């Protein structure tokens, strides 16, 4: 079958999307899960961005909840499927 690759960028400037205004994007937005790690923009500015994702525990909200569910011995498969159709507000309520 043919390969289809889809990526979302700003249509005018072809830059990465940097806002969270669209609820459709919420399940895919990554965030920091480790306290005390500098923001990504600061890591880039100071040249410390090579291992930033690992140091920051960077993951999506659905992945963070799935990690907590696994730690409690609960299968996160249903959560991971359902969360892809939720806004951040809906995910927080469901979590």
C-alpha atoms as a PDB file:
ATOM      1  CA  UNK A   1       0.000   0.000   0.000  1.00  0.00           C
ATOM      2  CA  UNK A   2       1.200   3.576  -0.577  1.00  0.00           C
ATOM      3  CA  UNK A   3       2.751   5.500   2.293  1.00  0.00           C
ATOM      4  CA  UNK A   4       0.967   8.669   3.402  1.00  0.00           C
ATOM      5  CA  UNK A   5       2.765  11.088   5.700  1.00  0.00           C
ATOM      6  CA  UNK A   6       0.832  13.916   7.320  1.00  0.00           C
ATOM      7  CA  UNK A   7       2.306  16.768   9.348  1.00  0.00           C
ATOM      8  CA  UNK A   8       0.643  19.895  10.635  1.00  0.00           C
ATOM      9  CA  UNK A   9       2.316  23.260  10.345  1.00  0.00           C
ATOM     10  CA  UNK A  10       1.289  26.876  10.145  1.00  0.00           C
ATOM     11  CA  UNK A  11      -0.049  27.296   6.588  1.00  0.00           C
ATOM     12  CA  UNK A  12       1.510  30.704   5.986  1.00  0.00           C
ATOM     13  CA  UNK A  13       4.940  30.366   7.557  1.00  0.00           C
ATOM     14  CA  UNK A  14       5.391  26.567   7.570  1.00  0.00           C
ATOM     15  CA  UNK A  15       6.442  26.725  11.203  1.00  0.00           C
ATOM     16  CA  UNK A  16       5.457  24.275  13.894  1.00  0.00           C
ATOM     17  CA  UNK A  17       2.186  25.006  15.640  1.00  0.00           C
ATOM     18  CA  UNK A  18       2.955  26.708  18.930  1.00  0.00           C
ATOM     19  CA  UNK A  19      -0.447  27.299  20.476  1.00  0.00           C
ATOM     20  CA  UNK A  20      -2.939  25.017  22.135  1.00  0.00           C
ATOM     21  CA  UNK A  21      -6.102  26.804  21.065  1.00  0.00           C
ATOM     22  CA  UNK A  22      -7.428  23.963  18.885  1.00  0.00           C
ATOM     23  CA  UNK A  23      -8.907  21.149  21.051  1.00  0.00           C
ATOM     24  CA  UNK A  24      -8.218  18.654  18.255  1.00  0.00           C
ATOM     25  CA  UNK A  25      -4.487  19.149  18.930  1.00  0.00           C
ATOM     26  CA  UNK A  26      -4.696  18.631  22.707  1.00  0.00           C
ATOM     27  CA  UNK A  27      -4.014  14.869  22.832  1.00  0.00           C
ATOM     28  CA  UNK A  28      -0.840  15.377  20.777  1.00  0.00           C
ATOM     29  CA  UNK A  29       0.736  18.291  22.657  1.00  0.00           C
ATOM     30  CA  UNK A  30       3.773  17.247  24.653  1.00  0.00           C
ATOM     31  CA  UNK A  31       4.663  18.671  28.035  1.00  0.00           C
ATOM     32  CA  UNK A  32       7.214  18.369  30.818  1.00  0.00           C
ATOM     33  CA  UNK A  33       6.622  15.845  33.595  1.00  0.00           C
ATOM     34  CA  UNK A  34       9.845  16.429  35.561  1.00  0.00           C
ATOM     35  CA  UNK A  35       9.950  19.414  37.922  1.00  0.00           C
ATOM     36  CA  UNK A  36      12.871  21.812  37.683  1.00  0.00           C
ATOM     37  CA  UNK A  37      13.732  21.260  34.018  1.00  0.00           C
ATOM     38  CA  UNK A  38      14.102  24.434  31.973  1.00  0.00           C
ATOM     39  CA  UNK A  39      11.532  25.185  29.264  1.00  0.00           C
ATOM     40  CA  UNK A  40      12.379  23.949  25.762  1.00  0.00           C
ATOM     41  CA  UNK A  41      12.881  27.477  24.393  1.00  0.00           C
ATOM     42  CA  UNK A  42      15.538  28.084  27.072  1.00  0.00           C
ATOM     43  CA  UNK A  43      17.242  24.742  26.383  1.00  0.00           C
ATOM     44  CA  UNK A  44      17.398  25.626  22.677  1.00  0.00           C
ATOM     45  CA  UNK A  45      18.718  29.118  23.415  1.00  0.00           C
ATOM     46  CA  UNK A  46      21.500  27.756  25.653  1.00  0.00           C
ATOM     47  CA  UNK A  47      22.330  24.763  23.445  1.00  0.00           C
ATOM     48  CA  UNK A  48      21.128  22.192  25.997  1.00  0.00           C
ATOM     49  CA  UNK A  49      18.305  20.819  23.881  1.00  0.00           C
ATOM     50  CA  UNK A  50      19.912  17.594  22.628  1.00  0.00           C
ATOM     51  CA  UNK A  51      18.691  15.498  25.573  1.00  0.00           C
ATOM     52  CA  UNK A  52      15.885  17.792  26.726  1.00  0.00           C
ATOM     53  CA  UNK A  53      13.031  15.370  25.958  1.00  0.00           C
ATOM     54  CA  UNK A  54      14.642  12.674  28.096  1.00  0.00           C
ATOM     55  CA  UNK A  55      15.594  15.049  30.943  1.00  0.00           C
ATOM     56  CA  UNK A  56      12.156  16.664  31.012  1.00  0.00           C
ATOM     57  CA  UNK A  57      10.133  13.464  30.897  1.00  0.00           C
ATOM     58  CA  UNK A  58       8.411  14.967  27.869  1.00  0.00           C
ATOM     59  CA  UNK A  59       5.169  13.213  26.930  1.00  0.00           C
ATOM     60  CA  UNK A  60       1.568  13.867  25.998  1.00  0.00           C
ATOM     61  CA  UNK A  61      -1.157  14.098  28.648  1.00  0.00           C
ATOM     62  CA  UNK A  62      -2.684  10.797  27.451  1.00  0.00           C
ATOM     63  CA  UNK A  63       0.733   9.131  27.782  1.00  0.00           C
ATOM     64  CA  UNK A  64       1.215  10.569  31.287  1.00  0.00           C
ATOM     65  CA  UNK A  65      -2.170   9.213  32.400  1.00  0.00           C
ATOM     66  CA  UNK A  66      -1.407   5.858  30.747  1.00  0.00           C
ATOM     67  CA  UNK A  67       1.872   5.701  32.673  1.00  0.00           C
ATOM     68  CA  UNK A  68      -0.004   6.330  35.946  1.00  0.00           C
ATOM     69  CA  UNK A  69      -2.616   3.704  35.044  1.00  0.00           C
ATOM     70  CA  UNK A  70       0.101   1.126  34.305  1.00  0.00           C
ATOM     71  CA  UNK A  71       1.743   1.926  37.649  1.00  0.00           C
ATOM     72  CA  UNK A  72      -1.587   1.077  39.325  1.00  0.00           C
ATOM     73  CA  UNK A  73      -1.851  -2.186  37.377  1.00  0.00           C
ATOM     74  CA  UNK A  74      -4.613  -0.942  35.053  1.00  0.00           C
ATOM     75  CA  UNK A  75      -4.532  -1.529  31.295  1.00  0.00           C
ATOM     76  CA  UNK A  76      -4.422   1.926  29.625  1.00  0.00           C
ATOM     77  CA  UNK A  77      -5.524   0.763  26.145  1.00  0.00           C
ATOM     78  CA  UNK A  78      -9.098   2.083  26.399  1.00  0.00           C
ATOM     79  CA  UNK A  79      -7.886   5.391  27.855  1.00  0.00           C
ATOM     80  CA  UNK A  80      -5.331   5.847  25.078  1.00  0.00           C
ATOM     81  CA  UNK A  81      -7.972   5.201  22.409  1.00  0.00           C
ATOM     82  CA  UNK A  82     -10.680   7.371  23.972  1.00  0.00           C
ATOM     83  CA  UNK A  83      -8.400  10.286  24.868  1.00  0.00           C
ATOM     84  CA  UNK A  84      -7.561  10.932  21.212  1.00  0.00           C
ATOM     85  CA  UNK A  85     -11.076  12.314  20.764  1.00  0.00           C
ATOM     86  CA  UNK A  86     -10.988  14.619  23.814  1.00  0.00           C
ATOM     87  CA  UNK A  87      -9.961  18.182  24.552  1.00  0.00           C
ATOM     88  CA  UNK A  88      -7.622  18.861  27.472  1.00  0.00           C
ATOM     89  CA  UNK A  89     -10.580  19.791  29.685  1.00  0.00           C
ATOM     90  CA  UNK A  90     -12.346  16.543  28.809  1.00  0.00           C
ATOM     91  CA  UNK A  91      -9.163  14.511  29.358  1.00  0.00           C
ATOM     92  CA  UNK A  92      -8.615  16.046  32.802  1.00  0.00           C
ATOM     93  CA  UNK A  93     -12.203  15.246  33.784  1.00  0.00           C
ATOM     94  CA  UNK A  94     -11.928  11.662  32.486  1.00  0.00           C
ATOM     95  CA  UNK A  95      -8.538  11.029  34.084  1.00  0.00           C
END
